[in-house]
Structures are given as C-alpha cells and as structure tokens.
Amino acid sequence: MDPKTYAGVWPDVLDQADRVLRARLDEDTADGDETLHSLAMMLEMASRNAAEGNLYQATVPLAYCETLAQRL
C-alpha cells in the first residue's frame, strides 16, 4: 500500500490495506496461515481506530502487525 495513493489519509490507507488482505485470505480456499489471519485481525482493529480519528491508538495493533509480519 502506498499512502500517496490516498493522499496520506491514514484511515483510508488502513481500510484499503485491510480490504486487500481480507480479499486475499478469501481467495485462499485452504484454511490459510494462522499468522495471516492474526495479521488481518490486527489490521482491522487499526483501521477501525483510525476511522474513529484515533491514530495514536491505531499504532498499537499496527505494532502487533509488524511483529506478526516477521514470522512470514
């Protein structure tokens, strides 16, 4: 995701990233990777927090995303 695509509007960036990840998980007919599902859950939380205007609180699940992504 390139924040410039959404003019740096972080709620929109996070929402689109959440949609892309969930679409990819939905395409996978197998159960999928548990790490990816956890990543999707944290990204959804970050997206929700950002949409509510709380960008600081959005950083918490994003930090978990970073930790989870290291497993991939």
C-alpha atoms as a PDB file:
ATOM      1  CA  MET A   1       0.000   0.000   0.000  1.00  0.00           C
ATOM      2  CA  ASP A   2       1.301   3.405  -0.943  1.00  0.00           C
ATOM      3  CA  PRO A   3      -0.050   6.169   1.336  1.00  0.00           C
ATOM      4  CA  LYS A   4       0.323   8.641  -1.544  1.00  0.00           C
ATOM      5  CA  THR A   5      -2.462   6.807  -3.363  1.00  0.00           C
ATOM      6  CA  TYR A   6      -4.875   8.017  -0.700  1.00  0.00           C
ATOM      7  CA  ALA A   7      -3.211  11.424  -0.254  1.00  0.00           C
ATOM      8  CA  GLY A   8      -1.788  10.236   3.048  1.00  0.00           C
ATOM      9  CA  VAL A   9      -5.222   9.926   4.664  1.00  0.00           C
ATOM     10  CA  TRP A  10      -4.313   7.136   7.057  1.00  0.00           C
ATOM     11  CA  PRO A  11      -7.832   5.859   7.797  1.00  0.00           C
ATOM     12  CA  ASP A  12      -8.291   5.319   4.043  1.00  0.00           C
ATOM     13  CA  VAL A  13      -4.854   3.703   3.684  1.00  0.00           C
ATOM     14  CA  LEU A  14      -5.508   1.273   6.545  1.00  0.00           C
ATOM     15  CA  ASP A  15      -9.022   0.496   5.326  1.00  0.00           C
ATOM     16  CA  GLN A  16      -7.747  -0.376   1.862  1.00  0.00           C
ATOM     17  CA  ALA A  17      -4.901  -2.481   3.278  1.00  0.00           C
ATOM     18  CA  ASP A  18      -7.454  -4.373   5.379  1.00  0.00           C
ATOM     19  CA  ARG A  19      -9.667  -4.950   2.332  1.00  0.00           C
ATOM     20  CA  VAL A  20      -6.762  -6.214   0.214  1.00  0.00           C
ATOM     21  CA  LEU A  21      -5.565  -8.639   2.888  1.00  0.00           C
ATOM     22  CA  ARG A  22      -9.074  -9.965   3.549  1.00  0.00           C
ATOM     23  CA  ALA A  23      -9.718 -10.424  -0.176  1.00  0.00           C
ATOM     24  CA  ARG A  24      -6.531 -12.448  -0.486  1.00  0.00           C
ATOM     25  CA  LEU A  25      -7.482 -14.566   2.507  1.00  0.00           C
ATOM     26  CA  ASP A  26     -10.950 -15.140   0.998  1.00  0.00           C
ATOM     27  CA  GLU A  27      -9.372 -16.289  -2.279  1.00  0.00           C
ATOM     28  CA  ASP A  28      -7.402 -18.958  -0.458  1.00  0.00           C
ATOM     29  CA  THR A  29      -9.669 -21.993  -0.355  1.00  0.00           C
ATOM     30  CA  ALA A  30      -7.464 -23.682   2.238  1.00  0.00           C
ATOM     31  CA  ASP A  31      -7.695 -22.769   5.893  1.00  0.00           C
ATOM     32  CA  GLY A  32      -4.809 -20.392   5.332  1.00  0.00           C
ATOM     33  CA  ASP A  33      -1.988 -19.320   7.512  1.00  0.00           C
ATOM     34  CA  GLU A  34      -2.860 -18.570  11.122  1.00  0.00           C
ATOM     35  CA  THR A  35      -0.344 -15.719  11.095  1.00  0.00           C
ATOM     36  CA  LEU A  36      -2.126 -14.061   8.163  1.00  0.00           C
ATOM     37  CA  HIS A  37      -5.470 -14.351   9.930  1.00  0.00           C
ATOM     38  CA  SER A  38      -3.985 -12.766  13.052  1.00  0.00           C
ATOM     39  CA  LEU A  39      -2.455 -10.041  10.910  1.00  0.00           C
ATOM     40  CA  ALA A  40      -5.837  -9.369   9.314  1.00  0.00           C
ATOM     41  CA  MET A  41      -7.495  -9.097  12.721  1.00  0.00           C
ATOM     42  CA  MET A  42      -4.910  -6.578  13.960  1.00  0.00           C
ATOM     43  CA  LEU A  43      -5.102  -4.587  10.727  1.00  0.00           C
ATOM     44  CA  GLU A  44      -8.887  -4.398  11.053  1.00  0.00           C
ATOM     45  CA  MET A  45      -8.507  -3.031  14.588  1.00  0.00           C
ATOM     46  CA  ALA A  46      -6.013  -0.421  13.388  1.00  0.00           C
ATOM     47  CA  SER A  47      -8.347   0.558  10.563  1.00  0.00           C
ATOM     48  CA  ARG A  48     -11.277   0.948  12.954  1.00  0.00           C
ATOM     49  CA  ASN A  49      -9.251   3.070  15.376  1.00  0.00           C
ATOM     50  CA  ALA A  50      -8.024   5.311  12.562  1.00  0.00           C
ATOM     51  CA  ALA A  51     -11.565   5.715  11.198  1.00  0.00           C
ATOM     52  CA  GLU A  52     -12.630   6.890  14.651  1.00  0.00           C
ATOM     53  CA  GLY A  53      -9.905   9.538  14.473  1.00  0.00           C
ATOM     54  CA  ASN A  54      -7.623   7.869  16.991  1.00  0.00           C
ATOM     55  CA  LEU A  55      -4.402   7.447  15.023  1.00  0.00           C
ATOM     56  CA  TYR A  56      -2.373   7.057  18.203  1.00  0.00           C
ATOM     57  CA  GLN A  57      -4.488   4.052  19.255  1.00  0.00           C
ATOM     58  CA  ALA A  58      -4.164   2.636  15.718  1.00  0.00           C
ATOM     59  CA  THR A  59      -0.417   2.301  16.272  1.00  0.00           C
ATOM     60  CA  VAL A  60      -0.916  -0.422  18.902  1.00  0.00           C
ATOM     61  CA  PRO A  61      -2.387  -3.075  16.572  1.00  0.00           C
ATOM     62  CA  LEU A  62      -0.001  -1.900  13.834  1.00  0.00           C
ATOM     63  CA  ALA A  63       2.901  -2.700  16.143  1.00  0.00           C
ATOM     64  CA  TYR A  64       1.463  -6.202  16.545  1.00  0.00           C
ATOM     65  CA  CYS A  65       1.180  -6.407  12.753  1.00  0.00           C
ATOM     66  CA  GLU A  66       4.862  -5.623  12.466  1.00  0.00           C
ATOM     67  CA  THR A  67       5.717  -8.373  14.955  1.00  0.00           C
ATOM     68  CA  LEU A  68       3.450 -10.871  13.206  1.00  0.00           C
ATOM     69  CA  ALA A  69       4.841  -9.988   9.772  1.00  0.00           C
ATOM     70  CA  GLN A  70       8.301 -11.003  10.953  1.00  0.00           C
ATOM     71  CA  ARG A  71       7.004 -14.591  11.113  1.00  0.00           C
ATOM     72  CA  LEU A  72       6.182 -14.630   7.408  1.00  0.00           C
END
